[in-house]
mmCIF file of all heavy atoms, coordinates in Angstrom:
data_MODEL
# 
_entry.id   MODEL 
# 
loop_
_atom_site.group_PDB 
_atom_site.id 
_atom_site.type_symbol 
_atom_site.label_atom_id 
_atom_site.label_alt_id 
_atom_site.label_comp_id 
_atom_site.label_asym_id 
_atom_site.label_entity_id 
_atom_site.label_seq_id 
_atom_site.pdbx_PDB_ins_code 
_atom_site.Cartn_x 
_atom_site.Cartn_y 
_atom_site.Cartn_z 
_atom_site.occupancy 
_atom_site.B_iso_or_equiv 
_atom_site.pdbx_formal_charge 
_atom_site.auth_seq_id 
_atom_site.auth_comp_id 
_atom_site.auth_asym_id 
_atom_site.auth_atom_id 
_atom_site.pdbx_PDB_model_num 
ATOM 1   N N   . ASP A 1 1  ? 96.008  191.586 83.823 1.00 0.00 ? 1  ASP A N   1 
ATOM 2   C CA  . ASP A 1 1  ? 96.453  192.409 84.957 1.00 0.00 ? 1  ASP A CA  1 
ATOM 3   C C   . ASP A 1 1  ? 97.859  192.928 84.705 1.00 0.00 ? 1  ASP A C   1 
ATOM 4   O O   . ASP A 1 1  ? 98.729  192.071 84.755 1.00 0.00 ? 1  ASP A O   1 
ATOM 5   C CB  . ASP A 1 1  ? 96.282  191.681 86.272 1.00 0.00 ? 1  ASP A CB  1 
ATOM 6   C CG  . ASP A 1 1  ? 96.623  192.646 87.506 1.00 0.00 ? 1  ASP A CG  1 
ATOM 7   O OD1 . ASP A 1 1  ? 96.857  193.819 87.245 1.00 0.00 ? 1  ASP A OD1 1 
ATOM 8   O OD2 . ASP A 1 1  ? 96.646  192.109 88.642 1.00 0.00 ? 1  ASP A OD2 1 
ATOM 9   N N   . ALA A 1 2  ? 97.982  194.194 84.418 1.00 0.00 ? 2  ALA A N   1 
ATOM 10  C CA  . ALA A 1 2  ? 99.477  194.717 84.146 1.00 0.00 ? 2  ALA A CA  1 
ATOM 11  C C   . ALA A 1 2  ? 100.298 194.577 85.362 1.00 0.00 ? 2  ALA A C   1 
ATOM 12  O O   . ALA A 1 2  ? 101.511 194.699 85.202 1.00 0.00 ? 2  ALA A O   1 
ATOM 13  C CB  . ALA A 1 2  ? 99.380  196.156 83.661 1.00 0.00 ? 2  ALA A CB  1 
ATOM 14  N N   . LEU A 1 3  ? 99.810  194.339 86.588 1.00 0.00 ? 3  LEU A N   1 
ATOM 15  C CA  . LEU A 1 3  ? 100.661 194.280 87.736 1.00 0.00 ? 3  LEU A CA  1 
ATOM 16  C C   . LEU A 1 3  ? 101.109 192.788 87.992 1.00 0.00 ? 3  LEU A C   1 
ATOM 17  O O   . LEU A 1 3  ? 101.889 192.542 88.951 1.00 0.00 ? 3  LEU A O   1 
ATOM 18  C CB  . LEU A 1 3  ? 99.795  194.685 88.998 1.00 0.00 ? 3  LEU A CB  1 
ATOM 19  C CG  . LEU A 1 3  ? 99.255  196.134 88.967 1.00 0.00 ? 3  LEU A CG  1 
ATOM 20  C CD1 . LEU A 1 3  ? 98.512  196.451 90.159 1.00 0.00 ? 3  LEU A CD1 1 
ATOM 21  C CD2 . LEU A 1 3  ? 100.463 197.090 88.758 1.00 0.00 ? 3  LEU A CD2 1 
ATOM 22  N N   . ASP A 1 4  ? 100.557 191.930 87.229 1.00 0.00 ? 4  ASP A N   1 
ATOM 23  C CA  . ASP A 1 4  ? 100.945 190.382 87.367 1.00 0.00 ? 4  ASP A CA  1 
ATOM 24  C C   . ASP A 1 4  ? 102.346 190.185 86.531 1.00 0.00 ? 4  ASP A C   1 
ATOM 25  O O   . ASP A 1 4  ? 102.346 190.206 85.381 1.00 0.00 ? 4  ASP A O   1 
ATOM 26  C CB  . ASP A 1 4  ? 99.820  189.564 86.817 1.00 0.00 ? 4  ASP A CB  1 
ATOM 27  C CG  . ASP A 1 4  ? 99.939  188.120 87.204 1.00 0.00 ? 4  ASP A CG  1 
ATOM 28  O OD1 . ASP A 1 4  ? 101.209 187.683 87.633 1.00 0.00 ? 4  ASP A OD1 1 
ATOM 29  O OD2 . ASP A 1 4  ? 99.059  187.307 86.928 1.00 0.00 ? 4  ASP A OD2 1 
ATOM 30  N N   . GLU A 1 5  ? 103.295 189.775 87.302 1.00 0.00 ? 5  GLU A N   1 
ATOM 31  C CA  . GLU A 1 5  ? 104.576 189.458 86.665 1.00 0.00 ? 5  GLU A CA  1 
ATOM 32  C C   . GLU A 1 5  ? 104.484 188.127 85.884 1.00 0.00 ? 5  GLU A C   1 
ATOM 33  O O   . GLU A 1 5  ? 105.370 187.971 84.903 1.00 0.00 ? 5  GLU A O   1 
ATOM 34  C CB  . GLU A 1 5  ? 105.634 189.227 87.745 1.00 0.00 ? 5  GLU A CB  1 
ATOM 35  C CG  . GLU A 1 5  ? 106.005 190.516 88.438 1.00 0.00 ? 5  GLU A CG  1 
ATOM 36  C CD  . GLU A 1 5  ? 107.228 190.303 89.434 1.00 0.00 ? 5  GLU A CD  1 
ATOM 37  O OE1 . GLU A 1 5  ? 107.702 189.109 89.494 1.00 0.00 ? 5  GLU A OE1 1 
ATOM 38  O OE2 . GLU A 1 5  ? 107.672 191.273 90.042 1.00 0.00 ? 5  GLU A OE2 1 
ATOM 39  N N   . ASN A 1 6  ? 103.495 187.300 86.087 1.00 0.00 ? 6  ASN A N   1 
ATOM 40  C CA  . ASN A 1 6  ? 103.364 186.081 85.189 1.00 0.00 ? 6  ASN A CA  1 
ATOM 41  C C   . ASN A 1 6  ? 102.833 186.434 83.834 1.00 0.00 ? 6  ASN A C   1 
ATOM 42  O O   . ASN A 1 6  ? 102.883 185.636 82.914 1.00 0.00 ? 6  ASN A O   1 
ATOM 43  C CB  . ASN A 1 6  ? 102.380 185.167 85.945 1.00 0.00 ? 6  ASN A CB  1 
ATOM 44  C CG  . ASN A 1 6  ? 102.989 184.570 87.171 1.00 0.00 ? 6  ASN A CG  1 
ATOM 45  O OD1 . ASN A 1 6  ? 104.189 184.246 87.227 1.00 0.00 ? 6  ASN A OD1 1 
ATOM 46  N ND2 . ASN A 1 6  ? 102.207 184.430 88.225 1.00 0.00 ? 6  ASN A ND2 1 
ATOM 47  N N   . GLU A 1 7  ? 102.321 187.649 83.683 1.00 0.00 ? 7  GLU A N   1 
ATOM 48  C CA  . GLU A 1 7  ? 101.643 188.042 82.398 1.00 0.00 ? 7  GLU A CA  1 
ATOM 49  C C   . GLU A 1 7  ? 102.617 189.047 81.548 1.00 0.00 ? 7  GLU A C   1 
ATOM 50  O O   . GLU A 1 7  ? 102.562 188.959 80.332 1.00 0.00 ? 7  GLU A O   1 
ATOM 51  C CB  . GLU A 1 7  ? 100.335 188.707 82.641 1.00 0.00 ? 7  GLU A CB  1 
ATOM 52  C CG  . GLU A 1 7  ? 99.178  187.735 83.039 1.00 0.00 ? 7  GLU A CG  1 
ATOM 53  C CD  . GLU A 1 7  ? 97.830  188.265 82.808 1.00 0.00 ? 7  GLU A CD  1 
ATOM 54  O OE1 . GLU A 1 7  ? 97.351  188.976 83.634 1.00 0.00 ? 7  GLU A OE1 1 
ATOM 55  O OE2 . GLU A 1 7  ? 97.286  187.950 81.788 1.00 0.00 ? 7  GLU A OE2 1 
ATOM 56  N N   . ILE A 1 8  ? 103.246 189.878 82.253 1.00 0.00 ? 8  ILE A N   1 
ATOM 57  C CA  . ILE A 1 8  ? 104.200 190.784 81.489 1.00 0.00 ? 8  ILE A CA  1 
ATOM 58  C C   . ILE A 1 8  ? 105.348 191.190 82.490 1.00 0.00 ? 8  ILE A C   1 
ATOM 59  O O   . ILE A 1 8  ? 105.051 191.401 83.649 1.00 0.00 ? 8  ILE A O   1 
ATOM 60  C CB  . ILE A 1 8  ? 103.387 192.063 81.043 1.00 0.00 ? 8  ILE A CB  1 
ATOM 61  C CG1 . ILE A 1 8  ? 104.222 192.877 80.096 1.00 0.00 ? 8  ILE A CG1 1 
ATOM 62  C CG2 . ILE A 1 8  ? 102.822 192.831 82.194 1.00 0.00 ? 8  ILE A CG2 1 
ATOM 63  C CD1 . ILE A 1 8  ? 103.374 193.887 79.368 1.00 0.00 ? 8  ILE A CD1 1 
ATOM 64  N N   . ILE A 1 9  ? 106.464 191.319 81.864 1.00 0.00 ? 9  ILE A N   1 
ATOM 65  C CA  . ILE A 1 9  ? 107.656 191.665 82.699 1.00 0.00 ? 9  ILE A CA  1 
ATOM 66  C C   . ILE A 1 9  ? 108.303 192.987 82.094 1.00 0.00 ? 9  ILE A C   1 
ATOM 67  O O   . ILE A 1 9  ? 108.365 193.158 80.836 1.00 0.00 ? 9  ILE A O   1 
ATOM 68  C CB  . ILE A 1 9  ? 108.762 190.442 82.565 1.00 0.00 ? 9  ILE A CB  1 
ATOM 69  C CG1 . ILE A 1 9  ? 108.107 189.230 83.263 1.00 0.00 ? 9  ILE A CG1 1 
ATOM 70  C CG2 . ILE A 1 9  ? 110.033 190.876 83.312 1.00 0.00 ? 9  ILE A CG2 1 
ATOM 71  C CD1 . ILE A 1 9  ? 109.073 188.089 83.095 1.00 0.00 ? 9  ILE A CD1 1 
ATOM 72  N N   . PHE A 1 10 ? 108.616 193.882 82.945 1.00 0.00 ? 10 PHE A N   1 
ATOM 73  C CA  . PHE A 1 10 ? 109.198 195.149 82.548 1.00 0.00 ? 10 PHE A CA  1 
ATOM 74  C C   . PHE A 1 10 ? 110.568 195.241 83.089 1.00 0.00 ? 10 PHE A C   1 
ATOM 75  O O   . PHE A 1 10 ? 110.952 194.686 84.103 1.00 0.00 ? 10 PHE A O   1 
ATOM 76  C CB  . PHE A 1 10 ? 108.385 196.355 83.140 1.00 0.00 ? 10 PHE A CB  1 
ATOM 77  C CG  . PHE A 1 10 ? 106.995 196.533 82.425 1.00 0.00 ? 10 PHE A CG  1 
ATOM 78  C CD1 . PHE A 1 10 ? 105.815 196.038 83.028 1.00 0.00 ? 10 PHE A CD1 1 
ATOM 79  C CD2 . PHE A 1 10 ? 106.953 197.180 81.214 1.00 0.00 ? 10 PHE A CD2 1 
ATOM 80  C CE1 . PHE A 1 10 ? 104.631 196.268 82.401 1.00 0.00 ? 10 PHE A CE1 1 
ATOM 81  C CE2 . PHE A 1 10 ? 105.764 197.346 80.681 1.00 0.00 ? 10 PHE A CE2 1 
ATOM 82  C CZ  . PHE A 1 10 ? 104.517 196.887 81.227 1.00 0.00 ? 10 PHE A CZ  1 
ATOM 83  N N   . SER A 1 11 ? 111.395 195.938 82.382 1.00 0.00 ? 11 SER A N   1 
ATOM 84  C CA  . SER A 1 11 ? 112.728 196.256 82.757 1.00 0.00 ? 11 SER A CA  1 
ATOM 85  C C   . SER A 1 11 ? 112.860 197.572 83.446 1.00 0.00 ? 11 SER A C   1 
ATOM 86  O O   . SER A 1 11 ? 112.310 198.591 82.913 1.00 0.00 ? 11 SER A O   1 
ATOM 87  C CB  . SER A 1 11 ? 113.758 196.181 81.540 1.00 0.00 ? 11 SER A CB  1 
ATOM 88  O OG  . SER A 1 11 ? 114.995 196.662 81.950 1.00 0.00 ? 11 SER A OG  1 
ATOM 89  N N   . GLY A 1 12 ? 113.552 197.666 84.496 1.00 0.00 ? 12 GLY A N   1 
ATOM 90  C CA  . GLY A 1 12 ? 113.701 199.046 85.233 1.00 0.00 ? 12 GLY A CA  1 
ATOM 91  C C   . GLY A 1 12 ? 114.998 199.634 85.011 1.00 0.00 ? 12 GLY A C   1 
ATOM 92  O O   . GLY A 1 12 ? 115.280 200.686 85.477 1.00 0.00 ? 12 GLY A O   1 
ATOM 93  N N   . ARG A 1 13 ? 115.805 199.013 84.138 1.00 0.00 ? 13 ARG A N   1 
ATOM 94  C CA  . ARG A 1 13 ? 117.161 199.518 83.827 1.00 0.00 ? 13 ARG A CA  1 
ATOM 95  C C   . ARG A 1 13 ? 117.047 200.684 82.854 1.00 0.00 ? 13 ARG A C   1 
ATOM 96  O O   . ARG A 1 13 ? 116.314 200.616 81.796 1.00 0.00 ? 13 ARG A O   1 
ATOM 97  C CB  . ARG A 1 13 ? 118.073 198.480 83.278 1.00 0.00 ? 13 ARG A CB  1 
ATOM 98  C CG  . ARG A 1 13 ? 119.457 198.997 83.092 1.00 0.00 ? 13 ARG A CG  1 
ATOM 99  C CD  . ARG A 1 13 ? 120.479 197.792 82.782 1.00 0.00 ? 13 ARG A CD  1 
ATOM 100 N NE  . ARG A 1 13 ? 121.806 198.248 82.656 1.00 0.00 ? 13 ARG A NE  1 
ATOM 101 C CZ  . ARG A 1 13 ? 122.664 198.551 83.677 1.00 0.00 ? 13 ARG A CZ  1 
ATOM 102 N NH1 . ARG A 1 13 ? 122.239 198.282 84.929 1.00 0.00 ? 13 ARG A NH1 1 
ATOM 103 N NH2 . ARG A 1 13 ? 123.894 198.966 83.521 1.00 0.00 ? 13 ARG A NH2 1 
ATOM 104 N N   . SER A 1 14 ? 117.718 201.754 83.036 1.00 0.00 ? 14 SER A N   1 
ATOM 105 C CA  . SER A 1 14 ? 117.789 202.890 82.182 1.00 0.00 ? 14 SER A CA  1 
ATOM 106 C C   . SER A 1 14 ? 119.047 202.983 81.414 1.00 0.00 ? 14 SER A C   1 
ATOM 107 O O   . SER A 1 14 ? 120.091 202.761 82.068 1.00 0.00 ? 14 SER A O   1 
ATOM 108 C CB  . SER A 1 14 ? 117.537 204.221 82.963 1.00 0.00 ? 14 SER A CB  1 
ATOM 109 O OG  . SER A 1 14 ? 117.693 205.289 82.074 1.00 0.00 ? 14 SER A OG  1 
ATOM 110 N N   . ASP A 1 15 ? 119.050 203.234 80.169 1.00 0.00 ? 15 ASP A N   1 
ATOM 111 C CA  . ASP A 1 15 ? 120.294 203.407 79.293 1.00 0.00 ? 15 ASP A CA  1 
ATOM 112 C C   . ASP A 1 15 ? 120.708 204.799 79.191 1.00 0.00 ? 15 ASP A C   1 
ATOM 113 O O   . ASP A 1 15 ? 121.676 205.140 78.529 1.00 0.00 ? 15 ASP A O   1 
ATOM 114 C CB  . ASP A 1 15 ? 119.975 202.881 77.881 1.00 0.00 ? 15 ASP A CB  1 
ATOM 115 C CG  . ASP A 1 15 ? 119.632 201.379 77.798 1.00 0.00 ? 15 ASP A CG  1 
ATOM 116 O OD1 . ASP A 1 15 ? 120.218 200.621 78.774 1.00 0.00 ? 15 ASP A OD1 1 
ATOM 117 O OD2 . ASP A 1 15 ? 118.941 200.874 76.938 1.00 0.00 ? 15 ASP A OD2 1 
ATOM 118 N N   . ALA A 1 16 ? 120.083 205.747 79.915 1.00 0.00 ? 16 ALA A N   1 
ATOM 119 C CA  . ALA A 1 16 ? 120.416 207.075 79.886 1.00 0.00 ? 16 ALA A CA  1 
ATOM 120 C C   . ALA A 1 16 ? 121.808 207.396 80.606 1.00 0.00 ? 16 ALA A C   1 
ATOM 121 O O   . ALA A 1 16 ? 122.110 206.649 81.544 1.00 0.00 ? 16 ALA A O   1 
ATOM 122 C CB  . ALA A 1 16 ? 119.413 208.056 80.578 1.00 0.00 ? 16 ALA A CB  1 
ATOM 123 N N   . PRO A 1 17 ? 122.557 208.252 80.072 1.00 0.00 ? 17 PRO A N   1 
ATOM 124 C CA  . PRO A 1 17 ? 123.933 208.543 80.729 1.00 0.00 ? 17 PRO A CA  1 
ATOM 125 C C   . PRO A 1 17 ? 123.710 208.912 82.166 1.00 0.00 ? 17 PRO A C   1 
ATOM 126 O O   . PRO A 1 17 ? 122.830 209.701 82.489 1.00 0.00 ? 17 PRO A O   1 
ATOM 127 C CB  . PRO A 1 17 ? 124.491 209.609 79.831 1.00 0.00 ? 17 PRO A CB  1 
ATOM 128 C CG  . PRO A 1 17 ? 123.835 209.580 78.528 1.00 0.00 ? 17 PRO A CG  1 
ATOM 129 C CD  . PRO A 1 17 ? 122.435 209.136 78.956 1.00 0.00 ? 17 PRO A CD  1 
ATOM 130 N N   . ASP A 1 18 ? 124.553 208.372 83.064 1.00 0.00 ? 18 ASP A N   1 
ATOM 131 C CA  . ASP A 1 18 ? 124.538 208.691 84.518 1.00 0.00 ? 18 ASP A CA  1 
ATOM 132 C C   . ASP A 1 18 ? 123.310 208.413 85.087 1.00 0.00 ? 18 ASP A C   1 
ATOM 133 O O   . ASP A 1 18 ? 122.914 208.953 86.226 1.00 0.00 ? 18 ASP A O   1 
ATOM 134 C CB  . ASP A 1 18 ? 124.896 210.251 84.694 1.00 0.00 ? 18 ASP A CB  1 
ATOM 135 C CG  . ASP A 1 18 ? 126.237 210.590 84.097 1.00 0.00 ? 18 ASP A CG  1 
ATOM 136 O OD1 . ASP A 1 18 ? 127.162 209.785 84.100 1.00 0.00 ? 18 ASP A OD1 1 
ATOM 137 O OD2 . ASP A 1 18 ? 126.361 211.750 83.520 1.00 0.00 ? 18 ASP A OD2 1 
ATOM 138 N N   . ALA A 1 19 ? 122.527 207.406 84.613 1.00 0.00 ? 19 ALA A N   1 
ATOM 139 C CA  . ALA A 1 19 ? 121.257 207.074 85.280 1.00 0.00 ? 19 ALA A CA  1 
ATOM 140 C C   . ALA A 1 19 ? 121.464 206.245 86.458 1.00 0.00 ? 19 ALA A C   1 
ATOM 141 O O   . ALA A 1 19 ? 122.496 205.503 86.609 1.00 0.00 ? 19 ALA A O   1 
ATOM 142 C CB  . ALA A 1 19 ? 120.347 206.266 84.223 1.00 0.00 ? 19 ALA A CB  1 
ATOM 143 N N   . ASP A 1 20 ? 120.531 206.415 87.438 1.00 0.00 ? 20 ASP A N   1 
ATOM 144 C CA  . ASP A 1 20 ? 120.629 205.557 88.718 1.00 0.00 ? 20 ASP A CA  1 
ATOM 145 C C   . ASP A 1 20 ? 120.002 204.208 88.423 1.00 0.00 ? 20 ASP A C   1 
ATOM 146 O O   . ASP A 1 20 ? 118.745 204.198 88.257 1.00 0.00 ? 20 ASP A O   1 
ATOM 147 C CB  . ASP A 1 20 ? 119.852 206.372 89.720 1.00 0.00 ? 20 ASP A CB  1 
ATOM 148 C CG  . ASP A 1 20 ? 119.824 205.570 91.150 1.00 0.00 ? 20 ASP A CG  1 
ATOM 149 O OD1 . ASP A 1 20 ? 120.565 204.577 91.157 1.00 0.00 ? 20 ASP A OD1 1 
ATOM 150 O OD2 . ASP A 1 20 ? 119.126 206.002 92.132 1.00 0.00 ? 20 ASP A OD2 1 
ATOM 151 N N   . ASN A 1 21 ? 120.809 203.208 88.397 1.00 0.00 ? 21 ASN A N   1 
ATOM 152 C CA  . ASN A 1 21 ? 120.307 201.871 88.117 1.00 0.00 ? 21 ASN A CA  1 
ATOM 153 C C   . ASN A 1 21 ? 120.456 200.977 89.383 1.00 0.00 ? 21 ASN A C   1 
ATOM 154 O O   . ASN A 1 21 ? 120.698 199.836 89.345 1.00 0.00 ? 21 ASN A O   1 
ATOM 155 C CB  . ASN A 1 21 ? 121.096 201.187 86.976 1.00 0.00 ? 21 ASN A CB  1 
ATOM 156 C CG  . ASN A 1 21 ? 120.628 201.732 85.696 1.00 0.00 ? 21 ASN A CG  1 
ATOM 157 O OD1 . ASN A 1 21 ? 119.367 201.700 85.378 1.00 0.00 ? 21 ASN A OD1 1 
ATOM 158 N ND2 . ASN A 1 21 ? 121.436 202.232 84.727 1.00 0.00 ? 21 ASN A ND2 1 
ATOM 159 N N   . SER A 1 22 ? 120.344 201.588 90.545 1.00 0.00 ? 22 SER A N   1 
ATOM 160 C CA  . SER A 1 22 ? 120.266 200.833 91.743 1.00 0.00 ? 22 SER A CA  1 
ATOM 161 C C   . SER A 1 22 ? 119.097 199.970 91.779 1.00 0.00 ? 22 SER A C   1 
ATOM 162 O O   . SER A 1 22 ? 118.059 200.259 91.072 1.00 0.00 ? 22 SER A O   1 
ATOM 163 C CB  . SER A 1 22 ? 120.354 201.768 93.027 1.00 0.00 ? 22 SER A CB  1 
ATOM 164 O OG  . SER A 1 22 ? 119.230 202.584 93.058 1.00 0.00 ? 22 SER A OG  1 
ATOM 165 N N   . ALA A 1 23 ? 119.020 199.002 92.706 1.00 0.00 ? 23 ALA A N   1 
ATOM 166 C CA  . ALA A 1 23 ? 117.890 198.117 92.820 1.00 0.00 ? 23 ALA A CA  1 
ATOM 167 C C   . ALA A 1 23 ? 116.645 198.914 93.115 1.00 0.00 ? 23 ALA A C   1 
ATOM 168 O O   . ALA A 1 23 ? 115.501 198.554 92.630 1.00 0.00 ? 23 ALA A O   1 
ATOM 169 C CB  . ALA A 1 23 ? 118.180 196.966 93.777 1.00 0.00 ? 23 ALA A CB  1 
ATOM 170 N N   . ALA A 1 24 ? 116.764 199.880 93.987 1.00 0.00 ? 24 ALA A N   1 
ATOM 171 C CA  . ALA A 1 24 ? 115.552 200.660 94.460 1.00 0.00 ? 24 ALA A CA  1 
ATOM 172 C C   . ALA A 1 24 ? 115.018 201.445 93.226 1.00 0.00 ? 24 ALA A C   1 
ATOM 173 O O   . ALA A 1 24 ? 113.867 201.573 93.005 1.00 0.00 ? 24 ALA A O   1 
ATOM 174 C CB  . ALA A 1 24 ? 115.851 201.498 95.545 1.00 0.00 ? 24 ALA A CB  1 
ATOM 175 N N   . ALA A 1 25 ? 115.964 202.010 92.484 1.00 0.00 ? 25 ALA A N   1 
ATOM 176 C CA  . ALA A 1 25 ? 115.518 202.925 91.311 1.00 0.00 ? 25 ALA A CA  1 
ATOM 177 C C   . ALA A 1 25 ? 114.863 202.059 90.300 1.00 0.00 ? 25 ALA A C   1 
ATOM 178 O O   . ALA A 1 25 ? 113.945 202.465 89.690 1.00 0.00 ? 25 ALA A O   1 
ATOM 179 C CB  . ALA A 1 25 ? 116.776 203.710 90.746 1.00 0.00 ? 25 ALA A CB  1 
# 
């Protein structure tokens, strides 16, 4: 299940210049 954090973890942080890296984004 790709929605299960116990099986796979994704990063929401963007390395693009001026990217919005707030918690919500």
